Amino acid sequence: MQEDSSRSPSYTVACEDYVHVVEFSPFSSGTPASLLAYGGNQYVVVGTCLFQEEDMEIEGVEFNVLRVFHHDLRVDALAWSPESRLDRIPTIRFCTAAADRKLRLLTSDLQDRHEVKVMEGHTSYINHLVFEPTEGKQIASVSDDHTCRVWNLDGNESTTLRLRSPGISVCWHPEEVFKLMVAEKKGTIRFYDLVTQQAILSLDCGQSPLMSADWCLTNTIKVGAVAGNDWLIWDITRSSYPQEKRPAHIDKARLFKWSRANENLFATTGCPGKISSQLLIHHLGHPQPVMIGSATVGSGLSWHRTLPLCVIGGDRKLCFWMTEM
């Protein structure tokens, strides 16, 4: 991986502070613009993004802040609810995880209604969380406490799955609401049936620590992950071991995310180095990354819902990369 082949972001948006986490809503907002949230030390900014690829009259990107939410602590993870919409009566709903081992469910109508529900139960750091994608009535979270917990919106836990090592990533099947994928640090990825609370299938990295895993929601037989310096891809119909595995980052890989626009496109980030974090965009048909970018102490990684475009947070800015496919 040569540093000099790295490409600067297609677009950037300035922020007030260091961005710790950034997430595009994977759901339609009911308007042409996409919802995007980013979090820092004691706040979450929610806004809309529209890119020139979507609207000819825009130069680059148009980012409009809808609301800044106060957050008691630094935001470590964030997930969008499918109930967040801007048409009809605007509703914003998302959930965050912070270092106090609590989840916070924030709901706002962007006017006077603004509610925060705190959910307690995890006994260690929460690594990842996700909403049930069809109705958004449940949230799943995974933690260093060796559990995956499923919560109702009233704050009560409905299910606790005991894991054999820290839970790193959790993904919900896009249509089958009882199927959950949980990735563990020691290198195992399991699929659970939430009705029986039993594992129905498991995948093995053959190496650890597994740092991040993602389920390809446009083609659910594909699962991807990063462990050590490598990215790994499974076809769950063929084997519990990866079909493909390649070294990606010199300084250990940190995050893996599938594109929502193209089932063969995925991105990985390296662990933040002293100065910059590397972003690689890969295509399953190409042996080398199709794009290399880097951001000053970058963190977070999220793909746009319909464009082959991803975002990472950085020092006082959001960096967006558009992939030509």
C-alpha atoms as a PDB file:
ATOM      1  CA  MET A   1       0.000   0.000   0.000  1.00  0.00           C
ATOM      2  CA  GLN A   2       1.717   3.177  -1.134  1.00  0.00           C
ATOM      3  CA  GLU A   3       0.674   6.288   0.736  1.00  0.00           C
ATOM      4  CA  ASP A   4       1.230   8.475  -2.349  1.00  0.00           C
ATOM      5  CA  SER A   5      -1.657   6.877  -4.236  1.00  0.00           C
ATOM      6  CA  SER A   6      -4.060   8.212  -1.646  1.00  0.00           C
ATOM      7  CA  ARG A   7      -6.892  10.414  -2.880  1.00  0.00           C
ATOM      8  CA  SER A   8      -8.247  13.426  -1.050  1.00  0.00           C
ATOM      9  CA  PRO A   9     -11.935  13.386  -0.101  1.00  0.00           C
ATOM     10  CA  SER A  10     -14.494  14.147  -2.822  1.00  0.00           C
ATOM     11  CA  TYR A  11     -16.289  16.453  -0.362  1.00  0.00           C
ATOM     12  CA  THR A  12     -15.745  17.760   3.162  1.00  0.00           C
ATOM     13  CA  VAL A  13     -18.036  19.392   5.702  1.00  0.00           C
ATOM     14  CA  ALA A  14     -16.544  21.488   8.524  1.00  0.00           C
ATOM     15  CA  CYS A  15     -17.491  20.610  12.117  1.00  0.00           C
ATOM     16  CA  GLU A  16     -17.005  22.417  15.428  1.00  0.00           C
ATOM     17  CA  ASP A  17     -15.044  19.678  17.116  1.00  0.00           C
ATOM     18  CA  TYR A  18     -13.366  16.305  16.724  1.00  0.00           C
ATOM     19  CA  VAL A  19     -15.861  13.813  15.226  1.00  0.00           C
ATOM     20  CA  HIS A  20     -15.884  10.509  17.035  1.00  0.00           C
ATOM     21  CA  VAL A  21     -18.652   8.672  15.247  1.00  0.00           C
ATOM     22  CA  VAL A  22     -20.640   9.312  12.048  1.00  0.00           C
ATOM     23  CA  GLU A  23     -23.644   7.467  10.603  1.00  0.00           C
ATOM     24  CA  PHE A  24     -25.804   7.929   7.529  1.00  0.00           C
ATOM     25  CA  SER A  25     -29.340   6.759   8.176  1.00  0.00           C
ATOM     26  CA  PRO A  26     -29.757   3.506   6.187  1.00  0.00           C
ATOM     27  CA  PHE A  27     -33.465   4.348   5.817  1.00  0.00           C
ATOM     28  CA  SER A  28     -35.264   6.776   3.519  1.00  0.00           C
ATOM     29  CA  SER A  29     -36.009  10.121   5.165  1.00  0.00           C
ATOM     30  CA  GLY A  30     -39.073  10.594   2.943  1.00  0.00           C
ATOM     31  CA  THR A  31     -37.283  13.507   1.227  1.00  0.00           C
ATOM     32  CA  PRO A  32     -34.505  13.568  -1.423  1.00  0.00           C
ATOM     33  CA  ALA A  33     -31.894  14.308   1.278  1.00  0.00           C
ATOM     34  CA  SER A  34     -30.252  11.697   3.519  1.00  0.00           C
ATOM     35  CA  LEU A  35     -30.182  11.947   7.290  1.00  0.00           C
ATOM     36  CA  LEU A  36     -26.714  11.976   8.835  1.00  0.00           C
ATOM     37  CA  ALA A  37     -25.655  12.134  12.482  1.00  0.00           C
ATOM     38  CA  TYR A  38     -22.218  12.698  13.926  1.00  0.00           C
ATOM     39  CA  GLY A  39     -21.120  12.717  17.535  1.00  0.00           C
ATOM     40  CA  GLY A  40     -18.281  14.177  19.510  1.00  0.00           C
ATOM     41  CA  ASN A  41     -17.452  14.853  23.120  1.00  0.00           C
ATOM     42  CA  GLN A  42     -20.819  15.951  24.499  1.00  0.00           C
ATOM     43  CA  TYR A  43     -23.073  16.394  21.533  1.00  0.00           C
ATOM     44  CA  VAL A  44     -24.729  14.782  18.525  1.00  0.00           C
ATOM     45  CA  VAL A  45     -25.383  16.852  15.396  1.00  0.00           C
ATOM     46  CA  VAL A  46     -28.233  15.670  13.163  1.00  0.00           C
ATOM     47  CA  GLY A  47     -28.474  17.070   9.663  1.00  0.00           C
ATOM     48  CA  THR A  48     -29.397  16.331   6.064  1.00  0.00           C
ATOM     49  CA  CYS A  49     -26.985  15.737   3.179  1.00  0.00           C
ATOM     50  CA  LEU A  50     -27.639  16.220  -0.496  1.00  0.00           C
ATOM     51  CA  PHE A  51     -24.878  15.633  -3.047  1.00  0.00           C
ATOM     52  CA  GLN A  52     -24.392  16.954  -6.567  1.00  0.00           C
ATOM     53  CA  GLU A  53     -24.809  13.382  -7.848  1.00  0.00           C
ATOM     54  CA  GLU A  54     -28.412  13.569  -6.566  1.00  0.00           C
ATOM     55  CA  ASP A  55     -29.225  17.184  -7.488  1.00  0.00           C
ATOM     56  CA  MET A  56     -27.591  18.998 -10.400  1.00  0.00           C
ATOM     57  CA  GLU A  57     -28.095  22.379  -8.756  1.00  0.00           C
ATOM     58  CA  ILE A  58     -25.855  21.568  -5.809  1.00  0.00           C
ATOM     59  CA  GLU A  59     -22.152  22.192  -5.925  1.00  0.00           C
ATOM     60  CA  GLY A  60     -20.461  19.358  -4.035  1.00  0.00           C
ATOM     61  CA  VAL A  61     -22.488  18.719  -0.905  1.00  0.00           C
ATOM     62  CA  GLU A  62     -25.239  20.634   0.863  1.00  0.00           C
ATOM     63  CA  PHE A  63     -25.273  19.897   4.595  1.00  0.00           C
ATOM     64  CA  ASN A  64     -28.051  21.387   6.736  1.00  0.00           C
ATOM     65  CA  VAL A  65     -27.990  21.070  10.518  1.00  0.00           C
ATOM     66  CA  LEU A  66     -31.444  20.138  11.839  1.00  0.00           C
ATOM     67  CA  ARG A  67     -30.592  20.001  15.519  1.00  0.00           C
ATOM     68  CA  VAL A  68     -27.700  19.683  17.955  1.00  0.00           C
ATOM     69  CA  PHE A  69     -28.478  17.315  20.833  1.00  0.00           C
ATOM     70  CA  HIS A  70     -26.651  17.654  24.123  1.00  0.00           C
ATOM     71  CA  HIS A  71     -25.109  14.351  25.231  1.00  0.00           C
ATOM     72  CA  ASP A  72     -23.699  13.905  28.735  1.00  0.00           C
ATOM     73  CA  LEU A  73     -20.591  12.050  27.591  1.00  0.00           C
ATOM     74  CA  ARG A  74     -18.558  11.353  24.488  1.00  0.00           C
ATOM     75  CA  VAL A  75     -20.560   9.379  21.902  1.00  0.00           C
ATOM     76  CA  ASP A  76     -18.937   5.984  21.215  1.00  0.00           C
ATOM     77  CA  ALA A  77     -21.538   4.414  18.904  1.00  0.00           C
ATOM     78  CA  LEU A  78     -24.772   5.501  17.249  1.00  0.00           C
ATOM     79  CA  ALA A  79     -27.634   3.806  15.371  1.00  0.00           C
ATOM     80  CA  TRP A  80     -30.593   5.231  13.436  1.00  0.00           C
ATOM     81  CA  SER A  81     -34.209   4.159  13.820  1.00  0.00           C
ATOM     82  CA  PRO A  82     -36.265   3.443  10.670  1.00  0.00           C
ATOM     83  CA  GLU A  83     -38.890   5.714  12.262  1.00  0.00           C
ATOM     84  CA  SER A  84     -36.740   8.787  11.547  1.00  0.00           C
ATOM     85  CA  ARG A  85     -38.565  10.657   8.768  1.00  0.00           C
ATOM     86  CA  LEU A  86     -38.758  14.249   7.577  1.00  0.00           C
ATOM     87  CA  ASP A  87     -41.982  14.081   5.573  1.00  0.00           C
ATOM     88  CA  ARG A  88     -45.380  14.416   7.302  1.00  0.00           C
ATOM     89  CA  ILE A  89     -44.615  15.083  10.992  1.00  0.00           C
ATOM     90  CA  PRO A  90     -40.817  15.153  11.293  1.00  0.00           C
ATOM     91  CA  THR A  91     -39.456  12.563  13.737  1.00  0.00           C
ATOM     92  CA  ILE A  92     -35.831  12.006  14.579  1.00  0.00           C
ATOM     93  CA  ARG A  93     -34.974   8.895  16.594  1.00  0.00           C
ATOM     94  CA  PHE A  94     -31.556   7.408  17.220  1.00  0.00           C
ATOM     95  CA  CYS A  95     -29.726   5.585  19.968  1.00  0.00           C
ATOM     96  CA  THR A  96     -26.218   6.152  21.310  1.00  0.00           C
ATOM     97  CA  ALA A  97     -23.747   4.256  23.470  1.00  0.00           C
ATOM     98  CA  ALA A  98     -21.302   5.954  25.809  1.00  0.00           C
ATOM     99  CA  ALA A  99     -18.494   5.029  28.196  1.00  0.00           C
ATOM    100  CA  ASP A 100     -20.860   4.929  31.211  1.00  0.00           C
ATOM    101  CA  ARG A 101     -22.142   1.598  29.732  1.00  0.00           C
ATOM    102  CA  LYS A 102     -25.578   3.113  29.057  1.00  0.00           C
ATOM    103  CA  LEU A 103     -27.641   3.426  25.913  1.00  0.00           C
ATOM    104  CA  ARG A 104     -29.541   6.653  25.301  1.00  0.00           C
ATOM    105  CA  LEU A 105     -32.598   6.677  23.060  1.00  0.00           C
ATOM    106  CA  LEU A 106     -33.200  10.192  21.729  1.00  0.00           C
ATOM    107  CA  THR A 107     -36.489  11.164  20.097  1.00  0.00           C
ATOM    108  CA  SER A 108     -37.341  14.626  18.765  1.00  0.00           C
ATOM    109  CA  ASP A 109     -39.908  16.288  16.505  1.00  0.00           C
ATOM    110  CA  LEU A 110     -37.330  19.056  15.829  1.00  0.00           C
ATOM    111  CA  GLN A 111     -39.728  21.480  17.569  1.00  0.00           C
ATOM    112  CA  ASP A 112     -40.533  21.301  21.286  1.00  0.00           C
ATOM    113  CA  ARG A 113     -40.720  17.548  21.879  1.00  0.00           C
ATOM    114  CA  HIS A 114     -37.389  16.112  22.907  1.00  0.00           C
ATOM    115  CA  GLU A 115     -37.079  12.919  24.942  1.00  0.00           C
ATOM    116  CA  VAL A 116     -34.105  10.951  26.223  1.00  0.00           C
ATOM    117  CA  LYS A 117     -34.553   7.434  27.596  1.00  0.00           C
ATOM    118  CA  VAL A 118     -31.546   5.885  29.355  1.00  0.00           C
ATOM    119  CA  MET A 119     -31.165   2.098  29.159  1.00  0.00           C
ATOM    120  CA  GLU A 120     -28.977   0.373  31.730  1.00  0.00           C
ATOM    121  CA  GLY A 121     -27.852  -3.245  31.936  1.00  0.00           C
ATOM    122  CA  HIS A 122     -24.470  -3.647  30.278  1.00  0.00           C
ATOM    123  CA  THR A 123     -21.623  -3.967  32.776  1.00  0.00           C
ATOM    124  CA  SER A 124     -18.794  -3.032  30.411  1.00  0.00           C
ATOM    125  CA  TYR A 125     -18.017  -0.952  27.311  1.00  0.00           C
ATOM    126  CA  ILE A 126     -20.669  -1.097  24.525  1.00  0.00           C
ATOM    127  CA  ASN A 127     -19.053  -1.643  21.119  1.00  0.00           C
ATOM    128  CA  HIS A 128     -21.941  -1.503  18.648  1.00  0.00           C
ATOM    129  CA  LEU A 129     -25.720  -1.234  18.399  1.00  0.00           C
ATOM    130  CA  VAL A 130     -28.438  -1.517  15.764  1.00  0.00           C
ATOM    131  CA  PHE A 131     -32.208  -0.979  15.425  1.00  0.00           C
ATOM    132  CA  GLU A 132     -34.536  -3.697  14.189  1.00  0.00           C
ATOM    133  CA  PRO A 133     -34.858  -2.393  10.599  1.00  0.00           C
ATOM    134  CA  THR A 134     -38.495  -3.036   9.660  1.00  0.00           C
ATOM    135  CA  GLU A 135     -40.359  -1.214  12.455  1.00  0.00           C
ATOM    136  CA  GLY A 136     -37.604  -0.030  14.773  1.00  0.00           C
ATOM    137  CA  LYS A 137     -39.310  -1.287  17.933  1.00  0.00           C
ATOM    138  CA  GLN A 138     -36.182  -3.005  19.290  1.00  0.00           C
ATOM    139  CA  ILE A 139     -32.469  -2.264  19.639  1.00  0.00           C
ATOM    140  CA  ALA A 140     -29.633  -4.813  19.883  1.00  0.00           C
ATOM    141  CA  SER A 141     -26.302  -3.939  21.497  1.00  0.00           C
ATOM    142  CA  VAL A 142     -23.038  -5.848  22.071  1.00  0.00           C
ATOM    143  CA  SER A 143     -20.498  -5.248  24.777  1.00  0.00           C
ATOM    144  CA  ASP A 144     -17.187  -6.221  26.315  1.00  0.00           C
ATOM    145  CA  ASP A 145     -19.320  -7.832  29.066  1.00  0.00           C
ATOM    146  CA  HIS A 146     -19.718 -10.925  26.790  1.00  0.00           C
ATOM    147  CA  THR A 147     -23.404 -10.256  26.058  1.00  0.00           C
ATOM    148  CA  CYS A 148     -25.658  -9.198  23.215  1.00  0.00           C
ATOM    149  CA  ARG A 149     -28.778  -7.565  24.650  1.00  0.00           C
ATOM    150  CA  VAL A 150     -32.048  -6.817  22.872  1.00  0.00           C
ATOM    151  CA  TRP A 151     -34.047  -3.878  24.275  1.00  0.00           C
ATOM    152  CA  ASN A 152     -37.586  -2.667  23.801  1.00  0.00           C
ATOM    153  CA  LEU A 153     -38.107   1.064  23.317  1.00  0.00           C
ATOM    154  CA  ASP A 154     -39.475   1.378  26.857  1.00  0.00           C
ATOM    155  CA  GLY A 155     -35.938   0.599  28.058  1.00  0.00           C
ATOM    156  CA  ASN A 156     -36.574  -2.986  29.159  1.00  0.00           C
ATOM    157  CA  GLU A 157     -34.348  -5.833  28.073  1.00  0.00           C
ATOM    158  CA  SER A 158     -36.226  -8.550  26.190  1.00  0.00           C
ATOM    159  CA  THR A 159     -33.334 -10.942  25.453  1.00  0.00           C
ATOM    160  CA  THR A 160     -29.788 -11.512  26.683  1.00  0.00           C
ATOM    161  CA  LEU A 161     -27.490 -13.704  24.602  1.00  0.00           C
ATOM    162  CA  ARG A 162     -24.390 -14.904  26.468  1.00  0.00           C
ATOM    163  CA  LEU A 163     -21.240 -14.729  24.345  1.00  0.00           C
ATOM    164  CA  ARG A 164     -17.856 -16.428  24.772  1.00  0.00           C
ATOM    165  CA  SER A 165     -15.819 -13.256  24.313  1.00  0.00           C
ATOM    166  CA  PRO A 166     -16.500  -9.491  23.926  1.00  0.00           C
ATOM    167  CA  GLY A 167     -19.243  -8.671  21.386  1.00  0.00           C
ATOM    168  CA  ILE A 168     -17.806  -6.440  18.646  1.00  0.00           C
ATOM    169  CA  SER A 169     -20.506  -6.017  15.964  1.00  0.00           C
ATOM    170  CA  VAL A 170     -24.216  -6.730  15.696  1.00  0.00           C
ATOM    171  CA  CYS A 171     -26.390  -6.700  12.514  1.00  0.00           C
ATOM    172  CA  TRP A 172     -30.089  -7.362  11.988  1.00  0.00           C
ATOM    173  CA  HIS A 173     -31.451  -9.205   8.969  1.00  0.00           C
ATOM    174  CA  PRO A 174     -33.218  -6.646   6.703  1.00  0.00           C
ATOM    175  CA  GLU A 175     -36.485  -8.626   6.451  1.00  0.00           C
ATOM    176  CA  GLU A 176     -36.402 -11.531   8.894  1.00  0.00           C
ATOM    177  CA  VAL A 177     -36.826  -9.767  12.221  1.00  0.00           C
ATOM    178  CA  PHE A 178     -35.824 -12.809  14.277  1.00  0.00           C
ATOM    179  CA  LYS A 179     -32.355 -13.167  12.738  1.00  0.00           C
ATOM    180  CA  LEU A 180     -29.408 -11.432  14.328  1.00  0.00           C
ATOM    181  CA  MET A 181     -25.697 -11.641  13.500  1.00  0.00           C
ATOM    182  CA  VAL A 182     -23.222 -11.197  16.371  1.00  0.00           C
ATOM    183  CA  ALA A 183     -19.449 -11.014  15.910  1.00  0.00           C
ATOM    184  CA  GLU A 184     -17.121 -11.798  18.803  1.00  0.00           C
ATOM    185  CA  LYS A 185     -13.605 -10.567  19.414  1.00  0.00           C
ATOM    186  CA  LYS A 186     -12.104 -14.035  19.522  1.00  0.00           C
ATOM    187  CA  GLY A 187     -12.989 -14.527  15.844  1.00  0.00           C
ATOM    188  CA  THR A 188     -16.423 -16.182  15.797  1.00  0.00           C
ATOM    189  CA  ILE A 189     -19.500 -14.783  14.043  1.00  0.00           C
ATOM    190  CA  ARG A 190     -22.814 -16.357  15.034  1.00  0.00           C
ATOM    191  CA  PHE A 191     -26.336 -16.022  13.639  1.00  0.00           C
ATOM    192  CA  TYR A 192     -29.070 -16.262  16.259  1.00  0.00           C
ATOM    193  CA  ASP A 193     -32.766 -17.029  16.086  1.00  0.00           C
ATOM    194  CA  LEU A 194     -34.296 -14.585  18.575  1.00  0.00           C
ATOM    195  CA  VAL A 195     -37.367 -16.764  19.093  1.00  0.00           C
ATOM    196  CA  THR A 196     -35.430 -19.777  20.375  1.00  0.00           C
ATOM    197  CA  GLN A 197     -32.436 -17.618  21.444  1.00  0.00           C
ATOM    198  CA  GLN A 198     -30.179 -20.255  19.901  1.00  0.00           C
ATOM    199  CA  ALA A 199     -27.328 -19.940  17.409  1.00  0.00           C
ATOM    200  CA  ILE A 200     -28.361 -21.331  14.014  1.00  0.00           C
ATOM    201  CA  LEU A 201     -25.050 -20.906  12.168  1.00  0.00           C
ATOM    202  CA  SER A 202     -21.502 -19.843  12.967  1.00  0.00           C
ATOM    203  CA  LEU A 203     -18.517 -18.591  10.971  1.00  0.00           C
ATOM    204  CA  ASP A 204     -14.873 -18.739  11.976  1.00  0.00           C
ATOM    205  CA  CYS A 205     -12.174 -16.152  11.208  1.00  0.00           C
ATOM    206  CA  GLY A 206      -9.365 -18.522  12.046  1.00  0.00           C
ATOM    207  CA  GLN A 207      -7.633 -15.538  13.664  1.00  0.00           C
ATOM    208  CA  SER A 208      -8.231 -12.933  16.340  1.00  0.00           C
ATOM    209  CA  PRO A 209      -8.839 -10.278  17.447  1.00  0.00           C
ATOM    210  CA  LEU A 210     -11.784  -9.717  15.159  1.00  0.00           C
ATOM    211  CA  MET A 211     -12.292  -5.931  15.171  1.00  0.00           C
ATOM    212  CA  SER A 212     -15.408  -5.366  13.066  1.00  0.00           C
ATOM    213  CA  ALA A 213     -17.895  -7.391  10.982  1.00  0.00           C
ATOM    214  CA  ASP A 214     -20.782  -6.501   8.697  1.00  0.00           C
ATOM    215  CA  TRP A 215     -23.633  -8.366   7.009  1.00  0.00           C
ATOM    216  CA  CYS A 216     -24.184  -7.456   3.358  1.00  0.00           C
ATOM    217  CA  LEU A 217     -27.818  -6.383   3.511  1.00  0.00           C
ATOM    218  CA  THR A 218     -28.257  -6.290  -0.281  1.00  0.00           C
ATOM    219  CA  ASN A 219     -27.117  -9.937  -0.495  1.00  0.00           C
ATOM    220  CA  THR A 220     -27.362 -11.625   2.897  1.00  0.00           C
ATOM    221  CA  ILE A 221     -25.245 -14.665   2.002  1.00  0.00           C
ATOM    222  CA  LYS A 222     -22.187 -12.369   2.227  1.00  0.00           C
ATOM    223  CA  VAL A 223     -20.480 -11.461   5.475  1.00  0.00           C
ATOM    224  CA  GLY A 224     -17.288  -9.445   5.801  1.00  0.00           C
ATOM    225  CA  ALA A 225     -14.921  -8.668   8.660  1.00  0.00           C
ATOM    226  CA  VAL A 226     -11.498  -7.349   9.565  1.00  0.00           C
ATOM    227  CA  ALA A 227      -9.119  -9.193  11.898  1.00  0.00           C
ATOM    228  CA  GLY A 228      -5.475  -8.327  12.428  1.00  0.00           C
ATOM    229  CA  ASN A 229      -4.304  -6.649   9.197  1.00  0.00           C
ATOM    230  CA  ASP A 230      -6.693  -8.596   6.949  1.00  0.00           C
ATOM    231  CA  TRP A 231     -10.154  -8.348   5.498  1.00  0.00           C
ATOM    232  CA  LEU A 232     -12.161 -11.565   5.201  1.00  0.00           C
ATOM    233  CA  ILE A 233     -15.293 -12.429   3.201  1.00  0.00           C
ATOM    234  CA  TRP A 234     -17.636 -15.399   3.706  1.00  0.00           C
ATOM    235  CA  ASP A 235     -20.327 -16.916   1.547  1.00  0.00           C
ATOM    236  CA  ILE A 236     -22.470 -18.400   4.326  1.00  0.00           C
ATOM    237  CA  THR A 237     -23.979 -21.004   1.984  1.00  0.00           C
ATOM    238  CA  ARG A 238     -20.578 -22.480   1.211  1.00  0.00           C
ATOM    239  CA  SER A 239     -18.361 -22.703   4.271  1.00  0.00           C
ATOM    240  CA  SER A 240     -17.867 -21.520   7.825  1.00  0.00           C
ATOM    241  CA  TYR A 241     -14.360 -20.392   6.774  1.00  0.00           C
ATOM    242  CA  PRO A 242     -13.691 -17.279   4.675  1.00  0.00           C
ATOM    243  CA  GLN A 243     -13.823 -17.605   0.861  1.00  0.00           C
ATOM    244  CA  GLU A 244     -11.442 -14.694   0.513  1.00  0.00           C
ATOM    245  CA  LYS A 245      -8.866 -13.086   2.745  1.00  0.00           C
ATOM    246  CA  ARG A 246      -6.355 -10.347   1.976  1.00  0.00           C
ATOM    247  CA  PRO A 247      -3.968  -8.153   3.926  1.00  0.00           C
ATOM    248  CA  ALA A 248      -5.234  -4.566   3.863  1.00  0.00           C
ATOM    249  CA  HIS A 249      -3.718  -2.269   6.461  1.00  0.00           C
ATOM    250  CA  ILE A 250      -0.133  -2.185   7.704  1.00  0.00           C
ATOM    251  CA  ASP A 251      -1.204  -0.788  11.072  1.00  0.00           C
ATOM    252  CA  LYS A 252      -4.064  -3.259  11.798  1.00  0.00           C
ATOM    253  CA  ALA A 253      -7.550  -2.902  10.381  1.00  0.00           C
ATOM    254  CA  ARG A 254     -10.259  -1.256  12.450  1.00  0.00           C
ATOM    255  CA  LEU A 255     -13.650  -1.186  10.646  1.00  0.00           C
ATOM    256  CA  PHE A 256     -15.414  -3.103   7.858  1.00  0.00           C
ATOM    257  CA  LYS A 257     -18.586  -1.832   6.136  1.00  0.00           C
ATOM    258  CA  TRP A 258     -20.426  -3.046   3.036  1.00  0.00           C
ATOM    259  CA  SER A 259     -21.731  -0.495   0.554  1.00  0.00           C
ATOM    260  CA  ARG A 260     -25.532  -0.286   0.409  1.00  0.00           C
ATOM    261  CA  ALA A 261     -25.452   0.666  -3.266  1.00  0.00           C
ATOM    262  CA  ASN A 262     -23.323  -2.203  -4.616  1.00  0.00           C
ATOM    263  CA  GLU A 263     -23.002  -5.669  -3.060  1.00  0.00           C
ATOM    264  CA  ASN A 264     -19.407  -6.046  -4.330  1.00  0.00           C
ATOM    265  CA  LEU A 265     -18.142  -2.825  -2.782  1.00  0.00           C
ATOM    266  CA  PHE A 266     -16.871  -2.507   0.788  1.00  0.00           C
ATOM    267  CA  ALA A 267     -14.655  -0.215   2.812  1.00  0.00           C
ATOM    268  CA  THR A 268     -12.108  -0.835   5.561  1.00  0.00           C
ATOM    269  CA  THR A 269     -10.274   1.598   7.805  1.00  0.00           C
ATOM    270  CA  GLY A 270      -6.957   1.205   9.570  1.00  0.00           C
ATOM    271  CA  CYS A 271      -6.492   1.828  13.274  1.00  0.00           C
ATOM    272  CA  PRO A 272      -5.917   5.555  13.787  1.00  0.00           C
ATOM    273  CA  GLY A 273      -2.183   6.146  13.521  1.00  0.00           C
ATOM    274  CA  LYS A 274      -0.381   9.048  15.149  1.00  0.00           C
ATOM    275  CA  ILE A 275      -1.438  11.384  12.346  1.00  0.00           C
ATOM    276  CA  SER A 276      -3.864   9.774   9.952  1.00  0.00           C
ATOM    277  CA  SER A 277      -6.181   6.829   9.424  1.00  0.00           C
ATOM    278  CA  GLN A 278      -6.267   5.004   6.142  1.00  0.00           C
ATOM    279  CA  LEU A 279      -9.517   4.344   4.280  1.00  0.00           C
ATOM    280  CA  LEU A 280      -9.529   1.630   1.626  1.00  0.00           C
ATOM    281  CA  ILE A 281     -12.409   0.954  -0.741  1.00  0.00           C
ATOM    282  CA  HIS A 282     -12.384  -2.540  -2.217  1.00  0.00           C
ATOM    283  CA  HIS A 283     -14.329  -4.238  -4.991  1.00  0.00           C
ATOM    284  CA  LEU A 284     -14.685  -8.028  -4.919  1.00  0.00           C
ATOM    285  CA  GLY A 285     -13.636  -8.273  -8.567  1.00  0.00           C
ATOM    286  CA  HIS A 286     -10.345  -6.402  -8.040  1.00  0.00           C
ATOM    287  CA  PRO A 287      -7.226  -7.718  -6.288  1.00  0.00           C
ATOM    288  CA  GLN A 288      -6.128  -4.210  -5.212  1.00  0.00           C
ATOM    289  CA  PRO A 289      -8.200  -1.509  -3.458  1.00  0.00           C
ATOM    290  CA  VAL A 290     -10.099   0.612  -5.990  1.00  0.00           C
ATOM    291  CA  MET A 291      -9.511   3.716  -3.861  1.00  0.00           C
ATOM    292  CA  ILE A 292      -7.222   4.803  -1.036  1.00  0.00           C
ATOM    293  CA  GLY A 293      -7.944   7.796   1.168  1.00  0.00           C
ATOM    294  CA  SER A 294      -6.814   9.055   4.533  1.00  0.00           C
ATOM    295  CA  ALA A 295      -8.156  11.383   7.196  1.00  0.00           C
ATOM    296  CA  THR A 296      -6.486  13.052  10.142  1.00  0.00           C
ATOM    297  CA  VAL A 297      -7.163  10.775  13.122  1.00  0.00           C
ATOM    298  CA  GLY A 298     -10.262   9.514  11.383  1.00  0.00           C
ATOM    299  CA  SER A 299     -12.990   7.589  13.164  1.00  0.00           C
ATOM    300  CA  GLY A 300     -16.304   6.077  12.236  1.00  0.00           C
ATOM    301  CA  LEU A 301     -17.263   4.796   8.785  1.00  0.00           C
ATOM    302  CA  SER A 302     -20.638   4.809   7.077  1.00  0.00           C
ATOM    303  CA  TRP A 303     -22.013   4.335   3.548  1.00  0.00           C
ATOM    304  CA  HIS A 304     -24.718   6.392   1.883  1.00  0.00           C
ATOM    305  CA  ARG A 305     -28.027   4.567   1.378  1.00  0.00           C
ATOM    306  CA  THR A 306     -28.078   4.746  -2.432  1.00  0.00           C
ATOM    307  CA  LEU A 307     -24.780   6.258  -3.655  1.00  0.00           C
ATOM    308  CA  PRO A 308     -21.370   4.500  -3.717  1.00  0.00           C
ATOM    309  CA  LEU A 309     -20.185   7.151  -1.253  1.00  0.00           C
ATOM    310  CA  CYS A 310     -18.817   6.738   2.257  1.00  0.00           C
ATOM    311  CA  VAL A 311     -17.973   9.111   5.089  1.00  0.00           C
ATOM    312  CA  ILE A 312     -15.495   9.092   7.942  1.00  0.00           C
ATOM    313  CA  GLY A 313     -15.165  11.598  10.760  1.00  0.00           C
ATOM    314  CA  GLY A 314     -11.979  13.492  11.457  1.00  0.00           C
ATOM    315  CA  ASP A 315     -10.537  16.480  13.230  1.00  0.00           C
ATOM    316  CA  ARG A 316     -13.204  19.197  12.854  1.00  0.00           C
ATOM    317  CA  LYS A 317     -14.526  17.778   9.612  1.00  0.00           C
ATOM    318  CA  LEU A 318     -16.436  15.048   7.838  1.00  0.00           C
ATOM    319  CA  CYS A 319     -14.694  13.523   4.805  1.00  0.00           C
ATOM    320  CA  PHE A 320     -16.771  11.979   1.999  1.00  0.00           C
ATOM    321  CA  TRP A 321     -15.377   9.767  -0.746  1.00  0.00           C
ATOM    322  CA  MET A 322     -17.330   9.042  -3.913  1.00  0.00           C
ATOM    323  CA  THR A 323     -16.370   5.810  -5.691  1.00  0.00           C
ATOM    324  CA  GLU A 324     -16.645   5.629  -9.466  1.00  0.00           C
ATOM    325  CA  MET A 325     -18.085   2.215 -10.258  1.00  0.00           C
END
